[in-house]
Structures are given as C-alpha cells and as structure tokens.
Amino acid sequence: MTLYDLDARRRTGWSYPHAAVRPQIPIAIYGNAWCGRTQLIRRALDRAGIDHAYVDLDRHPDAHRKLRALAAGRLRTPVVHIDGEWLMEPTLREVDRVLASRGVWR
C-alpha cells in the first residue's frame, strides 16, 4: 500500500492497522498554500495520520531565505524534511519511499 491508496480506503472506513506501533519521526513540509504538490503531500500525510509540521513560505520569509541557501539559490517547493533527510520538490512516491525506509509507512 502507498499513500496514493489512502483516498479510496478512507472512503470505505479503512484505517491504518498498526497506528499504535508506528514510530514517530520529525517531518516538516515547507511550501506554499497555492502549491498543488505541497497540498497533495500534506493531505496524504493527514489522511495517513502521520504527524508533520507545515511552514507556509509566503508567511515565513526567513525560512524561505534559509531554504534557498540550502538549495544553492534555486528553491522549488515543496521541500520536505524527514528525519534528517531533505527532499527538494519530491513526488508523493519519493515521500512514500522515505517514510517506508524509516518504518513509518509500509
């Protein structure tokens, strides 16, 4: 199962079977309210019940400057930080892969 599968399962009342034993790791999403990919990743994590922080770069220009420096001056959103790993403009499948490698998702 991937994060893509959640929408269909959510409509049928399915829930993550191992939610009580799922490890909690620091996850932060940096993006914009108008960015479709940012919102897609946020919704997928919300549906999966995976805790994460969200930083709207339009409202936090200091975070925007720091991330631009991290990205060598060319910032594209979203930027996802998962347990020490930075993902620049990831797909949902890339986020899924990193979460699975950390034992948060299967």
C-alpha atoms as a PDB file:
ATOM      1  CA  MET A   1       0.000   0.000   0.000  1.00  0.00           C
ATOM      2  CA  THR A   2       1.180   3.513  -0.737  1.00  0.00           C
ATOM      3  CA  LEU A   3      -0.010   6.943   0.250  1.00  0.00           C
ATOM      4  CA  TYR A   4      -1.856   7.003  -3.090  1.00  0.00           C
ATOM      5  CA  ASP A   5      -4.129   4.207  -1.893  1.00  0.00           C
ATOM      6  CA  LEU A   6      -5.395   6.103   1.123  1.00  0.00           C
ATOM      7  CA  ASP A   7      -8.143   8.106  -0.530  1.00  0.00           C
ATOM      8  CA  ALA A   8     -10.066   5.037  -1.701  1.00  0.00           C
ATOM      9  CA  ARG A   9      -9.551   3.207   1.574  1.00  0.00           C
ATOM     10  CA  ARG A  10     -10.574   6.236   3.613  1.00  0.00           C
ATOM     11  CA  ARG A  11     -13.930   6.359   1.837  1.00  0.00           C
ATOM     12  CA  THR A  12     -14.579   2.755   2.869  1.00  0.00           C
ATOM     13  CA  GLY A  13     -13.775   3.344   6.547  1.00  0.00           C
ATOM     14  CA  TRP A  14     -10.366   1.636   6.476  1.00  0.00           C
ATOM     15  CA  SER A  15      -7.732   2.809   8.955  1.00  0.00           C
ATOM     16  CA  TYR A  16      -4.015   2.155   9.300  1.00  0.00           C
ATOM     17  CA  PRO A  17      -3.800  -1.176  11.150  1.00  0.00           C
ATOM     18  CA  HIS A  18      -0.574  -0.514  13.057  1.00  0.00           C
ATOM     19  CA  ALA A  19      -1.109   3.120  14.039  1.00  0.00           C
ATOM     20  CA  ALA A  20      -0.349   2.392  17.702  1.00  0.00           C
ATOM     21  CA  VAL A  21       3.082   0.926  16.897  1.00  0.00           C
ATOM     22  CA  ARG A  22       4.102   3.296  14.109  1.00  0.00           C
ATOM     23  CA  PRO A  23       7.269   5.218  15.055  1.00  0.00           C
ATOM     24  CA  GLN A  24       7.075   8.992  15.290  1.00  0.00           C
ATOM     25  CA  ILE A  25       9.814  10.864  13.455  1.00  0.00           C
ATOM     26  CA  PRO A  26      10.237  14.578  12.762  1.00  0.00           C
ATOM     27  CA  ILE A  27       8.605  15.571   9.473  1.00  0.00           C
ATOM     28  CA  ALA A  28       8.322  19.120   8.156  1.00  0.00           C
ATOM     29  CA  ILE A  29       6.836  20.341   4.896  1.00  0.00           C
ATOM     30  CA  TYR A  30       7.918  23.735   3.586  1.00  0.00           C
ATOM     31  CA  GLY A  31       5.765  25.103   0.797  1.00  0.00           C
ATOM     32  CA  ASN A  32       3.040  27.491  -0.231  1.00  0.00           C
ATOM     33  CA  ALA A  33      -0.734  27.417   0.141  1.00  0.00           C
ATOM     34  CA  TRP A  34      -1.046  27.848  -3.632  1.00  0.00           C
ATOM     35  CA  CYS A  35       1.343  24.954  -4.482  1.00  0.00           C
ATOM     36  CA  GLY A  36      -0.587  21.876  -5.604  1.00  0.00           C
ATOM     37  CA  ARG A  37       2.187  19.400  -4.857  1.00  0.00           C
ATOM     38  CA  THR A  38       2.686  20.827  -1.364  1.00  0.00           C
ATOM     39  CA  GLN A  39      -1.002  20.443  -0.612  1.00  0.00           C
ATOM     40  CA  LEU A  40      -1.090  16.922  -2.116  1.00  0.00           C
ATOM     41  CA  ILE A  41       1.679  15.762   0.227  1.00  0.00           C
ATOM     42  CA  ARG A  42       0.073  17.465   3.233  1.00  0.00           C
ATOM     43  CA  ARG A  43      -3.299  15.844   2.537  1.00  0.00           C
ATOM     44  CA  ALA A  44      -1.721  12.415   2.054  1.00  0.00           C
ATOM     45  CA  LEU A  45       0.089  12.636   5.414  1.00  0.00           C
ATOM     46  CA  ASP A  46      -3.069  13.899   7.117  1.00  0.00           C
ATOM     47  CA  ARG A  47      -5.100  11.013   5.692  1.00  0.00           C
ATOM     48  CA  ALA A  48      -2.446   8.539   6.828  1.00  0.00           C
ATOM     49  CA  GLY A  49      -2.484  10.013  10.337  1.00  0.00           C
ATOM     50  CA  ILE A  50       1.218  10.886  10.112  1.00  0.00           C
ATOM     51  CA  ASP A  51       2.141  13.902  12.250  1.00  0.00           C
ATOM     52  CA  HIS A  52       4.038  16.666  10.493  1.00  0.00           C
ATOM     53  CA  ALA A  53       4.729  20.358  10.700  1.00  0.00           C
ATOM     54  CA  TYR A  54       3.884  22.735   7.862  1.00  0.00           C
ATOM     55  CA  VAL A  55       5.654  26.022   7.181  1.00  0.00           C
ATOM     56  CA  ASP A  56       4.000  28.371   4.674  1.00  0.00           C
ATOM     57  CA  LEU A  57       6.920  30.098   2.973  1.00  0.00           C
ATOM     58  CA  ASP A  58       4.778  33.103   1.994  1.00  0.00           C
ATOM     59  CA  ARG A  59       4.217  33.800   5.679  1.00  0.00           C
ATOM     60  CA  HIS A  60       7.750  32.955   6.849  1.00  0.00           C
ATOM     61  CA  PRO A  61      10.294  34.746   4.639  1.00  0.00           C
ATOM     62  CA  ASP A  62      13.202  33.814   6.940  1.00  0.00           C
ATOM     63  CA  ALA A  63      12.534  30.114   6.327  1.00  0.00           C
ATOM     64  CA  HIS A  64      12.318  30.858   2.599  1.00  0.00           C
ATOM     65  CA  ARG A  65      15.773  32.503   2.630  1.00  0.00           C
ATOM     66  CA  LYS A  66      17.339  29.631   4.583  1.00  0.00           C
ATOM     67  CA  LEU A  67      15.895  27.013   2.248  1.00  0.00           C
ATOM     68  CA  ARG A  68      17.030  28.970  -0.808  1.00  0.00           C
ATOM     69  CA  ALA A  69      20.575  28.889   0.597  1.00  0.00           C
ATOM     70  CA  LEU A  70      20.240  25.135   1.211  1.00  0.00           C
ATOM     71  CA  ALA A  71      19.083  24.697  -2.406  1.00  0.00           C
ATOM     72  CA  ALA A  72      22.035  26.690  -3.782  1.00  0.00           C
ATOM     73  CA  GLY A  73      19.840  29.672  -4.638  1.00  0.00           C
ATOM     74  CA  ARG A  74      17.165  27.828  -6.625  1.00  0.00           C
ATOM     75  CA  LEU A  75      14.278  26.980  -4.333  1.00  0.00           C
ATOM     76  CA  ARG A  76      11.402  24.924  -5.667  1.00  0.00           C
ATOM     77  CA  THR A  77       8.571  23.770  -3.470  1.00  0.00           C
ATOM     78  CA  PRO A  78       7.727  21.724  -1.655  1.00  0.00           C
ATOM     79  CA  VAL A  79      10.742  20.931   0.452  1.00  0.00           C
ATOM     80  CA  VAL A  80      10.151  18.005   2.792  1.00  0.00           C
ATOM     81  CA  HIS A  81      12.412  17.252   5.751  1.00  0.00           C
ATOM     82  CA  ILE A  82      12.019  13.710   7.093  1.00  0.00           C
ATOM     83  CA  ASP A  83      14.184  12.601   9.984  1.00  0.00           C
ATOM     84  CA  GLY A  84      17.310  14.407   8.761  1.00  0.00           C
ATOM     85  CA  GLU A  85      16.768  13.833   5.029  1.00  0.00           C
ATOM     86  CA  TRP A  86      15.924  16.785   2.762  1.00  0.00           C
ATOM     87  CA  LEU A  87      13.719  16.182  -0.268  1.00  0.00           C
ATOM     88  CA  MET A  88      13.545  19.001  -2.801  1.00  0.00           C
ATOM     89  CA  GLU A  89      10.336  19.070  -4.842  1.00  0.00           C
ATOM     90  CA  PRO A  90       9.601  15.381  -4.152  1.00  0.00           C
ATOM     91  CA  THR A  91       6.849  13.321  -5.676  1.00  0.00           C
ATOM     92  CA  LEU A  92       4.420  11.563  -3.393  1.00  0.00           C
ATOM     93  CA  ARG A  93       6.144   8.284  -4.242  1.00  0.00           C
ATOM     94  CA  GLU A  94       9.508   9.672  -3.076  1.00  0.00           C
ATOM     95  CA  VAL A  95       7.966  10.752   0.236  1.00  0.00           C
ATOM     96  CA  ASP A  96       6.349   7.321   0.489  1.00  0.00           C
ATOM     97  CA  ARG A  97       9.727   5.611  -0.080  1.00  0.00           C
ATOM     98  CA  VAL A  98      11.499   7.644   2.622  1.00  0.00           C
ATOM     99  CA  LEU A  99       8.683   7.072   5.125  1.00  0.00           C
ATOM    100  CA  ALA A 100       8.805   3.338   4.410  1.00  0.00           C
ATOM    101  CA  SER A 101      12.584   3.276   4.914  1.00  0.00           C
ATOM    102  CA  ARG A 102      12.065   4.857   8.358  1.00  0.00           C
ATOM    103  CA  GLY A 103       9.373   2.356   9.315  1.00  0.00           C
ATOM    104  CA  VAL A 104       6.638   4.989   9.361  1.00  0.00           C
ATOM    105  CA  TRP A 105       4.865   3.615   6.339  1.00  0.00           C
ATOM    106  CA  ARG A 106       4.879   0.214   4.735  1.00  0.00           C
END
